[in-house]
C-alpha atoms as a PDB file:
ATOM      1  CA  MET A   1      -4.251  11.497   6.195  1.00  0.00           C
ATOM      2  CA  THR A   2      -6.949  11.055   8.799  1.00  0.00           C
ATOM      3  CA  VAL A   3      -6.415  12.267  12.352  1.00  0.00           C
ATOM      4  CA  LYS A   4      -7.302   9.953  15.225  1.00  0.00           C
ATOM      5  CA  VAL A   5      -9.434  11.950  17.627  1.00  0.00           C
ATOM      6  CA  THR A   6      -9.650  11.122  21.315  1.00  0.00           C
ATOM      7  CA  ASN A   7     -11.202  12.836  24.295  1.00  0.00           C
ATOM      8  CA  SER A   8      -7.847  14.437  25.055  1.00  0.00           C
ATOM      9  CA  ASN A   9      -7.220  15.970  21.604  1.00  0.00           C
ATOM     10  CA  PHE A  10     -10.855  16.671  20.602  1.00  0.00           C
ATOM     11  CA  GLU A  11     -10.708  20.346  21.493  1.00  0.00           C
ATOM     12  CA  SER A  12      -7.441  21.061  19.679  1.00  0.00           C
ATOM     13  CA  GLU A  13      -8.176  18.920  16.597  1.00  0.00           C
ATOM     14  CA  VAL A  14     -11.901  19.619  16.139  1.00  0.00           C
ATOM     15  CA  LEU A  15     -13.175  22.577  18.138  1.00  0.00           C
ATOM     16  CA  GLN A  16     -10.189  24.831  17.454  1.00  0.00           C
ATOM     17  CA  SER A  17      -9.908  23.929  13.763  1.00  0.00           C
ATOM     18  CA  SER A  18     -10.454  26.882  11.442  1.00  0.00           C
ATOM     19  CA  ALA A  19     -11.328  24.488   8.610  1.00  0.00           C
ATOM     20  CA  PRO A  20     -14.438  22.288   8.443  1.00  0.00           C
ATOM     21  CA  VAL A  21     -13.904  18.917  10.139  1.00  0.00           C
ATOM     22  CA  LEU A  22     -15.350  15.590   8.964  1.00  0.00           C
ATOM     23  CA  ILE A  23     -15.548  13.110  11.827  1.00  0.00           C
ATOM     24  CA  ASP A  24     -16.027   9.405  11.094  1.00  0.00           C
ATOM     25  CA  PHE A  25     -17.406   7.558  14.140  1.00  0.00           C
ATOM     26  CA  TYR A  26     -16.545   3.876  13.657  1.00  0.00           C
ATOM     27  CA  ALA A  27     -15.679   0.577  15.321  1.00  0.00           C
ATOM     28  CA  ASN A  28     -13.175  -2.062  14.195  1.00  0.00           C
ATOM     29  CA  TRP A  29     -15.833  -4.815  14.276  1.00  0.00           C
ATOM     30  CA  CYS A  30     -18.294  -2.867  12.091  1.00  0.00           C
ATOM     31  CA  MET A  31     -18.423  -4.175   8.500  1.00  0.00           C
ATOM     32  CA  PRO A  32     -19.990  -1.011   6.950  1.00  0.00           C
ATOM     33  CA  CYS A  33     -17.288   1.004   8.771  1.00  0.00           C
ATOM     34  CA  LYS A  34     -14.593  -1.148   7.168  1.00  0.00           C
ATOM     35  CA  MET A  35     -16.204  -0.604   3.763  1.00  0.00           C
ATOM     36  CA  LEU A  36     -16.351   3.167   4.317  1.00  0.00           C
ATOM     37  CA  SER A  37     -12.798   3.470   5.654  1.00  0.00           C
ATOM     38  CA  PRO A  38     -10.982   3.541   2.252  1.00  0.00           C
ATOM     39  CA  VAL A  39     -13.417   6.228   1.042  1.00  0.00           C
ATOM     40  CA  ILE A  40     -12.686   8.340   4.126  1.00  0.00           C
ATOM     41  CA  GLU A  41      -8.931   7.879   3.530  1.00  0.00           C
ATOM     42  CA  GLU A  42      -9.324   8.951  -0.119  1.00  0.00           C
ATOM     43  CA  ILE A  43     -11.234  12.056   0.902  1.00  0.00           C
ATOM     44  CA  SER A  44      -8.585  12.920   3.502  1.00  0.00           C
ATOM     45  CA  GLN A  45      -5.916  12.845   0.780  1.00  0.00           C
ATOM     46  CA  GLU A  46      -7.970  14.762  -1.797  1.00  0.00           C
ATOM     47  CA  VAL A  47      -9.464  17.542   0.320  1.00  0.00           C
ATOM     48  CA  SER A  48      -7.069  20.305   1.299  1.00  0.00           C
ATOM     49  CA  ASP A  49      -9.531  22.779   2.804  1.00  0.00           C
ATOM     50  CA  ALA A  50     -10.955  20.456   5.471  1.00  0.00           C
ATOM     51  CA  LYS A  51      -9.707  18.136   8.202  1.00  0.00           C
ATOM     52  CA  VAL A  52     -10.726  14.465   8.268  1.00  0.00           C
ATOM     53  CA  CYS A  53     -10.842  12.704  11.638  1.00  0.00           C
ATOM     54  CA  LYS A  54     -11.786   9.287  12.940  1.00  0.00           C
ATOM     55  CA  VAL A  55     -13.240   8.399  16.350  1.00  0.00           C
ATOM     56  CA  ASN A  56     -13.245   4.785  17.513  1.00  0.00           C
ATOM     57  CA  ILE A  57     -16.471   4.550  19.545  1.00  0.00           C
ATOM     58  CA  ASP A  58     -15.176   1.609  21.588  1.00  0.00           C
ATOM     59  CA  GLU A  59     -12.127   3.613  22.696  1.00  0.00           C
ATOM     60  CA  GLU A  60     -13.958   6.947  23.035  1.00  0.00           C
ATOM     61  CA  PRO A  61     -17.497   6.209  24.322  1.00  0.00           C
ATOM     62  CA  GLU A  62     -17.788   9.725  25.807  1.00  0.00           C
ATOM     63  CA  LEU A  63     -17.396  11.333  22.379  1.00  0.00           C
ATOM     64  CA  ALA A  64     -19.875   8.894  20.838  1.00  0.00           C
ATOM     65  CA  GLN A  65     -22.347   9.759  23.579  1.00  0.00           C
ATOM     66  CA  LYS A  66     -21.739  13.497  23.198  1.00  0.00           C
ATOM     67  CA  PHE A  67     -22.671  13.259  19.512  1.00  0.00           C
ATOM     68  CA  GLN A  68     -25.559  10.859  20.207  1.00  0.00           C
ATOM     69  CA  VAL A  69     -24.118   8.209  17.896  1.00  0.00           C
ATOM     70  CA  MET A  70     -26.826   5.528  17.719  1.00  0.00           C
ATOM     71  CA  SER A  71     -25.483   3.518  14.804  1.00  0.00           C
ATOM     72  CA  ILE A  72     -22.204   3.382  12.949  1.00  0.00           C
ATOM     73  CA  PRO A  73     -20.704   4.535  10.769  1.00  0.00           C
ATOM     74  CA  THR A  74     -21.856   8.057  11.614  1.00  0.00           C
ATOM     75  CA  LEU A  75     -20.333  11.032   9.842  1.00  0.00           C
ATOM     76  CA  VAL A  76     -20.424  14.497  11.384  1.00  0.00           C
ATOM     77  CA  VAL A  77     -19.235  17.726   9.792  1.00  0.00           C
ATOM     78  CA  MET A  78     -18.318  20.537  12.179  1.00  0.00           C
ATOM     79  CA  LYS A  79     -17.069  24.050  11.677  1.00  0.00           C
ATOM     80  CA  GLU A  80     -16.129  26.531  14.382  1.00  0.00           C
ATOM     81  CA  GLY A  81     -17.383  24.123  17.046  1.00  0.00           C
ATOM     82  CA  LYS A  82     -20.870  23.718  15.529  1.00  0.00           C
ATOM     83  CA  VAL A  83     -22.363  20.604  13.920  1.00  0.00           C
ATOM     84  CA  LEU A  84     -23.299  21.451  10.332  1.00  0.00           C
ATOM     85  CA  SER A  85     -24.465  18.040   9.152  1.00  0.00           C
ATOM     86  CA  THR A  86     -24.738  14.415  10.203  1.00  0.00           C
ATOM     87  CA  ALA A  87     -25.193  11.214   8.202  1.00  0.00           C
ATOM     88  CA  MET A  88     -25.559   7.616   9.360  1.00  0.00           C
ATOM     89  CA  GLY A  89     -24.570   4.490   7.472  1.00  0.00           C
ATOM     90  CA  MET A  90     -22.666   3.983   4.249  1.00  0.00           C
ATOM     91  CA  ARG A  91     -22.555   7.019   1.998  1.00  0.00           C
ATOM     92  CA  PRO A  92     -21.167   7.430  -1.511  1.00  0.00           C
ATOM     93  CA  LYS A  93     -18.034   9.547  -1.741  1.00  0.00           C
ATOM     94  CA  LYS A  94     -19.850  12.307  -3.654  1.00  0.00           C
ATOM     95  CA  ASP A  95     -22.407  12.662  -0.834  1.00  0.00           C
ATOM     96  CA  ILE A  96     -19.651  12.937   1.782  1.00  0.00           C
ATOM     97  CA  LEU A  97     -17.879  15.576  -0.317  1.00  0.00           C
ATOM     98  CA  LYS A  98     -21.178  17.487  -0.554  1.00  0.00           C
ATOM     99  CA  MET A  99     -21.431  17.445   3.243  1.00  0.00           C
ATOM    100  CA  LEU A 100     -17.988  19.086   3.369  1.00  0.00           C
ATOM    101  CA  ALA A 101     -18.855  21.775   0.823  1.00  0.00           C
ATOM    102  CA  VAL A 102     -19.708  24.409   3.422  1.00  0.00           C
END
């Protein structure tokens, strides 16, 4: 299950996570985001050693700005508070899983 991340729970859900965290920056009006969403859900159910989160950029513009999200979807993998990798646009599931293999 994906975790909805907001400004108020960002620190506890992402920064304090001991596991790697995949963050999906998206918007409800974004067609590629809608296409990627089921893939992100699948990954969240299959991966047990990482956390999968979603950030709605319209609801959380500060987080989008903090991560310099220029286009969506943008995927960010973090571990121990550090960005390990970033990818913009649609990505195949295998590529997203590779990003998480840290």
